[in-house]
C-alpha atoms as a PDB file:
ATOM      1  CA  MET A   1      -4.213  -8.267  -4.627  1.00  0.00           C
ATOM      2  CA  VAL A   2      -7.880  -9.843  -3.371  1.00  0.00           C
ATOM      3  CA  MET A   3      -8.087 -12.131  -1.051  1.00  0.00           C
ATOM      4  CA  THR A   4      -9.597 -15.754  -0.979  1.00  0.00           C
ATOM      5  CA  ALA A   5      -8.515 -18.234   1.197  1.00  0.00           C
ATOM      6  CA  VAL A   6     -10.171 -17.862   4.938  1.00  0.00           C
ATOM      7  CA  LEU A   7      -7.689 -20.004   6.605  1.00  0.00           C
ATOM      8  CA  LEU A   8      -9.155 -18.938   9.946  1.00  0.00           C
ATOM      9  CA  GLU A   9     -12.222 -17.831  11.420  1.00  0.00           C
ATOM     10  CA  ASN A  10     -12.997 -15.882  14.521  1.00  0.00           C
ATOM     11  CA  VAL A  11      -9.504 -14.722  15.739  1.00  0.00           C
ATOM     12  CA  SER A  12      -9.171 -11.705  17.501  1.00  0.00           C
ATOM     13  CA  LEU A  13      -7.881  -8.516  15.927  1.00  0.00           C
ATOM     14  CA  GLU A  14      -6.023  -8.554  19.508  1.00  0.00           C
ATOM     15  CA  ASP A  15      -4.129 -11.817  18.451  1.00  0.00           C
ATOM     16  CA  PHE A  16      -3.608 -10.945  15.027  1.00  0.00           C
ATOM     17  CA  THR A  17      -2.018  -7.812  15.761  1.00  0.00           C
ATOM     18  CA  ALA A  18       0.317  -9.369  18.102  1.00  0.00           C
ATOM     19  CA  SER A  19       1.719 -11.384  15.401  1.00  0.00           C
ATOM     20  CA  PRO A  20       0.562 -10.982  12.253  1.00  0.00           C
ATOM     21  CA  PRO A  21       1.592 -14.211   9.883  1.00  0.00           C
ATOM     22  CA  ASP A  22       3.200 -13.262   6.558  1.00  0.00           C
ATOM     23  CA  HIS A  23       0.986 -12.824   3.459  1.00  0.00           C
ATOM     24  CA  MET A  24      -2.204 -12.667   5.509  1.00  0.00           C
ATOM     25  CA  GLU A  25      -4.456  -9.774   6.581  1.00  0.00           C
ATOM     26  CA  TRP A  26      -7.439  -9.819   8.916  1.00  0.00           C
ATOM     27  CA  VAL A  27     -10.611  -9.137   7.446  1.00  0.00           C
ATOM     28  CA  ASP A  28     -14.088  -9.192   9.432  1.00  0.00           C
ATOM     29  CA  GLY A  29     -12.661 -11.597  11.948  1.00  0.00           C
ATOM     30  CA  GLN A  30     -10.972 -14.011   9.219  1.00  0.00           C
ATOM     31  CA  ILE A  31      -7.329 -14.422   8.490  1.00  0.00           C
ATOM     32  CA  VAL A  32      -7.290 -14.398   4.496  1.00  0.00           C
ATOM     33  CA  GLU A  33      -4.319 -14.975   2.440  1.00  0.00           C
ATOM     34  CA  LYS A  34      -3.190 -12.564  -0.095  1.00  0.00           C
ATOM     35  CA  ASN A  35      -3.130 -14.479  -3.499  1.00  0.00           C
ATOM     36  CA  GLY A  36      -2.965 -13.407  -7.128  1.00  0.00           C
ATOM     37  CA  MET A  37       0.483 -11.531  -7.306  1.00  0.00           C
ATOM     38  CA  THR A  38       2.523 -12.011 -10.859  1.00  0.00           C
ATOM     39  CA  VAL A  39       6.039 -11.319 -11.973  1.00  0.00           C
ATOM     40  CA  LYS A  40       5.057  -7.606 -13.465  1.00  0.00           C
ATOM     41  CA  HIS A  41       2.750  -7.028  -9.791  1.00  0.00           C
ATOM     42  CA  SER A  42       6.331  -8.123  -8.245  1.00  0.00           C
ATOM     43  CA  ARG A  43       8.330  -6.459 -10.735  1.00  0.00           C
ATOM     44  CA  ILE A  44       6.500  -3.145  -9.971  1.00  0.00           C
ATOM     45  CA  GLN A  45       6.214  -3.674  -6.269  1.00  0.00           C
ATOM     46  CA  SER A  46      10.226  -3.590  -6.218  1.00  0.00           C
ATOM     47  CA  ARG A  47      10.906  -0.275  -8.538  1.00  0.00           C
ATOM     48  CA  LEU A  48       8.248   1.193  -6.839  1.00  0.00           C
ATOM     49  CA  ASP A  49       9.724   0.306  -3.489  1.00  0.00           C
ATOM     50  CA  PHE A  50      13.230   1.339  -4.988  1.00  0.00           C
ATOM     51  CA  SER A  51      11.863   4.851  -6.138  1.00  0.00           C
ATOM     52  CA  TRP A  52      10.484   5.818  -2.816  1.00  0.00           C
ATOM     53  CA  ARG A  53      13.440   4.820  -0.719  1.00  0.00           C
ATOM     54  CA  SER A  54      16.385   6.074  -2.999  1.00  0.00           C
ATOM     55  CA  TYR A  55      14.174   9.628  -3.303  1.00  0.00           C
ATOM     56  CA  LYS A  56      13.540   9.446   0.878  1.00  0.00           C
ATOM     57  CA  ILE A  57      17.279   8.943   1.403  1.00  0.00           C
ATOM     58  CA  SER A  58      18.645  11.525  -1.444  1.00  0.00           C
ATOM     59  CA  SER A  59      16.129  14.299  -0.387  1.00  0.00           C
ATOM     60  CA  GLY A  60      17.102  13.730   3.317  1.00  0.00           C
ATOM     61  CA  GLN A  61      13.353  13.536   4.547  1.00  0.00           C
ATOM     62  CA  GLY A  62      13.882   9.896   6.276  1.00  0.00           C
ATOM     63  CA  GLY A  63      11.459   7.965   7.231  1.00  0.00           C
ATOM     64  CA  GLU A  64      10.243   4.254   5.846  1.00  0.00           C
ATOM     65  CA  VAL A  65       9.513   2.236   2.730  1.00  0.00           C
ATOM     66  CA  TYR A  66       8.415  -1.133   3.339  1.00  0.00           C
ATOM     67  CA  THR A  67       6.477  -3.620   1.437  1.00  0.00           C
ATOM     68  CA  GLU A  68       3.758  -5.643   2.837  1.00  0.00           C
ATOM     69  CA  VAL A  69       3.706  -4.414   6.032  1.00  0.00           C
ATOM     70  CA  PRO A  70       0.948  -4.884   8.385  1.00  0.00           C
ATOM     71  CA  CYS A  71      -1.269  -2.016   9.522  1.00  0.00           C
ATOM     72  CA  ARG A  72      -4.581  -1.327  11.192  1.00  0.00           C
ATOM     73  CA  THR A  73      -7.299   0.455   9.308  1.00  0.00           C
ATOM     74  CA  ASP A  74     -10.874   1.355  11.160  1.00  0.00           C
ATOM     75  CA  ARG A  75     -11.780  -2.125  10.404  1.00  0.00           C
ATOM     76  CA  ARG A  76      -9.112  -4.610   9.425  1.00  0.00           C
ATOM     77  CA  VAL A  77      -5.560  -5.243   9.588  1.00  0.00           C
ATOM     78  CA  ARG A  78      -4.372  -4.649   5.545  1.00  0.00           C
ATOM     79  CA  ARG A  79      -0.810  -5.508   4.199  1.00  0.00           C
ATOM     80  CA  PRO A  80      -0.562  -2.875   1.155  1.00  0.00           C
ATOM     81  CA  ASP A  81       2.093  -3.961  -1.551  1.00  0.00           C
ATOM     82  CA  VAL A  82       4.257  -0.827  -0.827  1.00  0.00           C
ATOM     83  CA  ALA A  83       3.825   1.953   1.834  1.00  0.00           C
ATOM     84  CA  TYR A  84       5.805   5.177   3.230  1.00  0.00           C
ATOM     85  CA  LEU A  85       5.818   6.051   6.881  1.00  0.00           C
ATOM     86  CA  THR A  86       7.219   9.524   7.466  1.00  0.00           C
ATOM     87  CA  ALA A  87      10.322   9.769  10.245  1.00  0.00           C
ATOM     88  CA  GLU A  88       8.122  11.064  12.788  1.00  0.00           C
ATOM     89  CA  LEU A  89       5.682   7.831  12.635  1.00  0.00           C
ATOM     90  CA  VAL A  90       9.027   5.414  12.811  1.00  0.00           C
ATOM     91  CA  ALA A  91      10.201   7.395  15.474  1.00  0.00           C
ATOM     92  CA  GLU A  92       6.833   7.075  17.407  1.00  0.00           C
ATOM     93  CA  TYR A  93       5.841   3.381  16.557  1.00  0.00           C
ATOM     94  CA  GLY A  94       9.414   1.841  16.474  1.00  0.00           C
ATOM     95  CA  ASP A  95       9.387  -1.409  15.452  1.00  0.00           C
ATOM     96  CA  VAL A  96       5.895  -2.869  16.353  1.00  0.00           C
ATOM     97  CA  ALA A  97       4.377  -5.940  15.043  1.00  0.00           C
ATOM     98  CA  THR A  98       1.261  -4.276  13.682  1.00  0.00           C
ATOM     99  CA  PHE A  99       1.374  -0.609  12.989  1.00  0.00           C
ATOM    100  CA  PRO A 100      -1.478   0.869  14.365  1.00  0.00           C
ATOM    101  CA  GLN A 101      -3.004   3.172  11.728  1.00  0.00           C
ATOM    102  CA  SER A 102      -2.324   3.475   7.714  1.00  0.00           C
ATOM    103  CA  PRO A 103       1.133   4.024   6.558  1.00  0.00           C
ATOM    104  CA  LEU A 104       0.220   7.975   5.103  1.00  0.00           C
ATOM    105  CA  LEU A 105       1.611   7.227   1.609  1.00  0.00           C
ATOM    106  CA  ILE A 106       0.600   3.618   0.158  1.00  0.00           C
ATOM    107  CA  ALA A 107       0.602   1.863  -3.406  1.00  0.00           C
ATOM    108  CA  GLU A 108      -1.725  -0.876  -4.177  1.00  0.00           C
ATOM    109  CA  ILE A 109      -0.782  -2.807  -7.301  1.00  0.00           C
ATOM    110  CA  VAL A 110      -3.998  -4.592  -9.248  1.00  0.00           C
ATOM    111  CA  SER A 111      -3.654  -8.459  -9.571  1.00  0.00           C
ATOM    112  CA  PRO A 112      -5.369 -10.087 -12.443  1.00  0.00           C
ATOM    113  CA  THR A 113      -7.771 -11.770  -9.773  1.00  0.00           C
ATOM    114  CA  ASP A 114      -8.512  -8.311  -8.302  1.00  0.00           C
ATOM    115  CA  ILE A 115     -12.072  -6.795  -8.372  1.00  0.00           C
ATOM    116  CA  ALA A 116     -12.249  -3.136  -9.396  1.00  0.00           C
ATOM    117  CA  GLU A 117     -14.919  -2.180  -6.692  1.00  0.00           C
ATOM    118  CA  GLU A 118     -12.864  -4.228  -4.017  1.00  0.00           C
ATOM    119  CA  VAL A 119      -9.695  -2.332  -5.194  1.00  0.00           C
ATOM    120  CA  PHE A 120     -11.474   1.052  -4.707  1.00  0.00           C
ATOM    121  CA  LEU A 121     -13.053  -0.065  -1.304  1.00  0.00           C
ATOM    122  CA  LYS A 122      -9.311  -0.716   0.037  1.00  0.00           C
ATOM    123  CA  ALA A 123      -8.315   2.585  -1.205  1.00  0.00           C
ATOM    124  CA  GLN A 124     -11.161   4.412   0.820  1.00  0.00           C
ATOM    125  CA  GLU A 125     -10.681   2.407   3.702  1.00  0.00           C
ATOM    126  CA  TYR A 126      -6.714   3.579   4.117  1.00  0.00           C
ATOM    127  CA  LEU A 127      -7.813   7.000   3.383  1.00  0.00           C
ATOM    128  CA  ASP A 128     -10.532   6.491   6.256  1.00  0.00           C
ATOM    129  CA  SER A 129      -7.624   5.076   8.540  1.00  0.00           C
ATOM    130  CA  GLY A 130      -4.802   7.896   8.385  1.00  0.00           C
ATOM    131  CA  CYS A 131      -3.468   7.475   4.897  1.00  0.00           C
ATOM    132  CA  LEU A 132      -3.259  10.933   2.911  1.00  0.00           C
ATOM    133  CA  GLU A 133      -2.372   9.299  -0.164  1.00  0.00           C
ATOM    134  CA  VAL A 134      -2.953   5.911  -2.066  1.00  0.00           C
ATOM    135  CA  TRP A 135      -2.070   4.922  -5.385  1.00  0.00           C
ATOM    136  CA  ILE A 136      -3.173   2.300  -7.427  1.00  0.00           C
ATOM    137  CA  VAL A 137      -1.252   1.082  -9.915  1.00  0.00           C
ATOM    138  CA  PHE A 138      -3.122  -0.859 -13.130  1.00  0.00           C
ATOM    139  CA  PRO A 139      -0.169  -3.166 -14.733  1.00  0.00           C
ATOM    140  CA  GLU A 140      -2.165  -4.474 -17.789  1.00  0.00           C
ATOM    141  CA  SER A 141      -4.187  -1.212 -18.721  1.00  0.00           C
ATOM    142  CA  ARG A 142      -0.875   0.862 -17.457  1.00  0.00           C
ATOM    143  CA  TRP A 143      -2.922   3.481 -15.468  1.00  0.00           C
ATOM    144  CA  ILE A 144      -1.776   4.999 -12.378  1.00  0.00           C
ATOM    145  CA  LEU A 145      -4.694   6.498 -10.157  1.00  0.00           C
ATOM    146  CA  ILE A 146      -3.857   8.738  -7.239  1.00  0.00           C
ATOM    147  CA  MET A 147      -6.458   8.794  -4.721  1.00  0.00           C
ATOM    148  CA  THR A 148      -6.677  11.903  -1.466  1.00  0.00           C
ATOM    149  CA  GLN A 149      -9.421  12.743   0.371  1.00  0.00           C
ATOM    150  CA  SER A 150     -10.018  15.689  -1.785  1.00  0.00           C
ATOM    151  CA  GLN A 151      -8.695  14.419  -5.349  1.00  0.00           C
ATOM    152  CA  LYS A 152      -8.378  11.182  -7.747  1.00  0.00           C
ATOM    153  CA  LEU A 153      -5.954  11.550 -10.505  1.00  0.00           C
ATOM    154  CA  THR A 154      -5.275   9.779 -13.711  1.00  0.00           C
ATOM    155  CA  PHE A 155      -1.491   9.125 -15.089  1.00  0.00           C
ATOM    156  CA  ASN A 156      -0.887   6.713 -18.223  1.00  0.00           C
ATOM    157  CA  LEU A 157       2.127   5.946 -19.722  1.00  0.00           C
ATOM    158  CA  GLY A 158       4.150   9.523 -21.035  1.00  0.00           C
ATOM    159  CA  SER A 159       3.077  10.614 -17.900  1.00  0.00           C
ATOM    160  CA  THR A 160       5.232  11.887 -15.162  1.00  0.00           C
ATOM    161  CA  ILE A 161       3.517  11.213 -11.603  1.00  0.00           C
ATOM    162  CA  SER A 162       4.498  13.115  -8.632  1.00  0.00           C
ATOM    163  CA  THR A 163       3.569  12.671  -4.842  1.00  0.00           C
ATOM    164  CA  GLN A 164       0.551  14.991  -3.656  1.00  0.00           C
ATOM    165  CA  LEU A 165       0.830  15.239  -0.280  1.00  0.00           C
ATOM    166  CA  VAL A 166       3.266  12.929   1.281  1.00  0.00           C
ATOM    167  CA  LEU A 167       7.272  12.341   0.226  1.00  0.00           C
ATOM    168  CA  ALA A 168       7.282  15.735  -1.068  1.00  0.00           C
ATOM    169  CA  GLY A 169       9.133  16.553  -4.643  1.00  0.00           C
ATOM    170  CA  PHE A 170       9.039  12.412  -5.671  1.00  0.00           C
ATOM    171  CA  SER A 171       8.176  12.466  -9.049  1.00  0.00           C
ATOM    172  CA  VAL A 172       8.617   9.606 -11.899  1.00  0.00           C
ATOM    173  CA  VAL A 173       7.848   8.929 -15.244  1.00  0.00           C
ATOM    174  CA  VAL A 174       5.259   5.933 -15.167  1.00  0.00           C
ATOM    175  CA  ASP A 175       6.975   4.239 -18.017  1.00  0.00           C
ATOM    176  CA  GLU A 176       9.657   3.614 -15.788  1.00  0.00           C
ATOM    177  CA  LEU A 177       7.546   1.866 -13.447  1.00  0.00           C
ATOM    178  CA  LEU A 178       5.158   0.045 -15.357  1.00  0.00           C
ATOM    179  CA  ALA A 179       7.767  -1.078 -18.381  1.00  0.00           C
END
């Protein structure tokens, strides 16, 4: 999701992380609004949230699934579309206003207003900040890319996609998420 509207400049990282406004990210000292969400984007976000949440419960792995949760990267405060935190990290951090690191599993759903290079840079930013696996979902072209530090995998309609490093054993048919 691209961020275009700069709402406030020269806001300290500490002030932002203490009380992050909804639908906002802290990027290079500025508070910027996330925008560009479509109905399709929202539907995919809901399906992925439900799928990860249902699986973490049925598999007994615990943890929590979040949507738009504020988290620190090494340079910014971001709000991934969907994120999974292990039970250990949930216990360690509790109910903080902003997670001090990237969740271990993140999904970013590409909006029509997103710029490709920015989406890939954001995914790499997550990986550089503690995330182990990023799913980049392309609703219009119906592709999903999984990125880890060591691999990039692509999936399209007719494929079954599986987590690689986090939420062990989870898989779903791409058509179920993107239909």
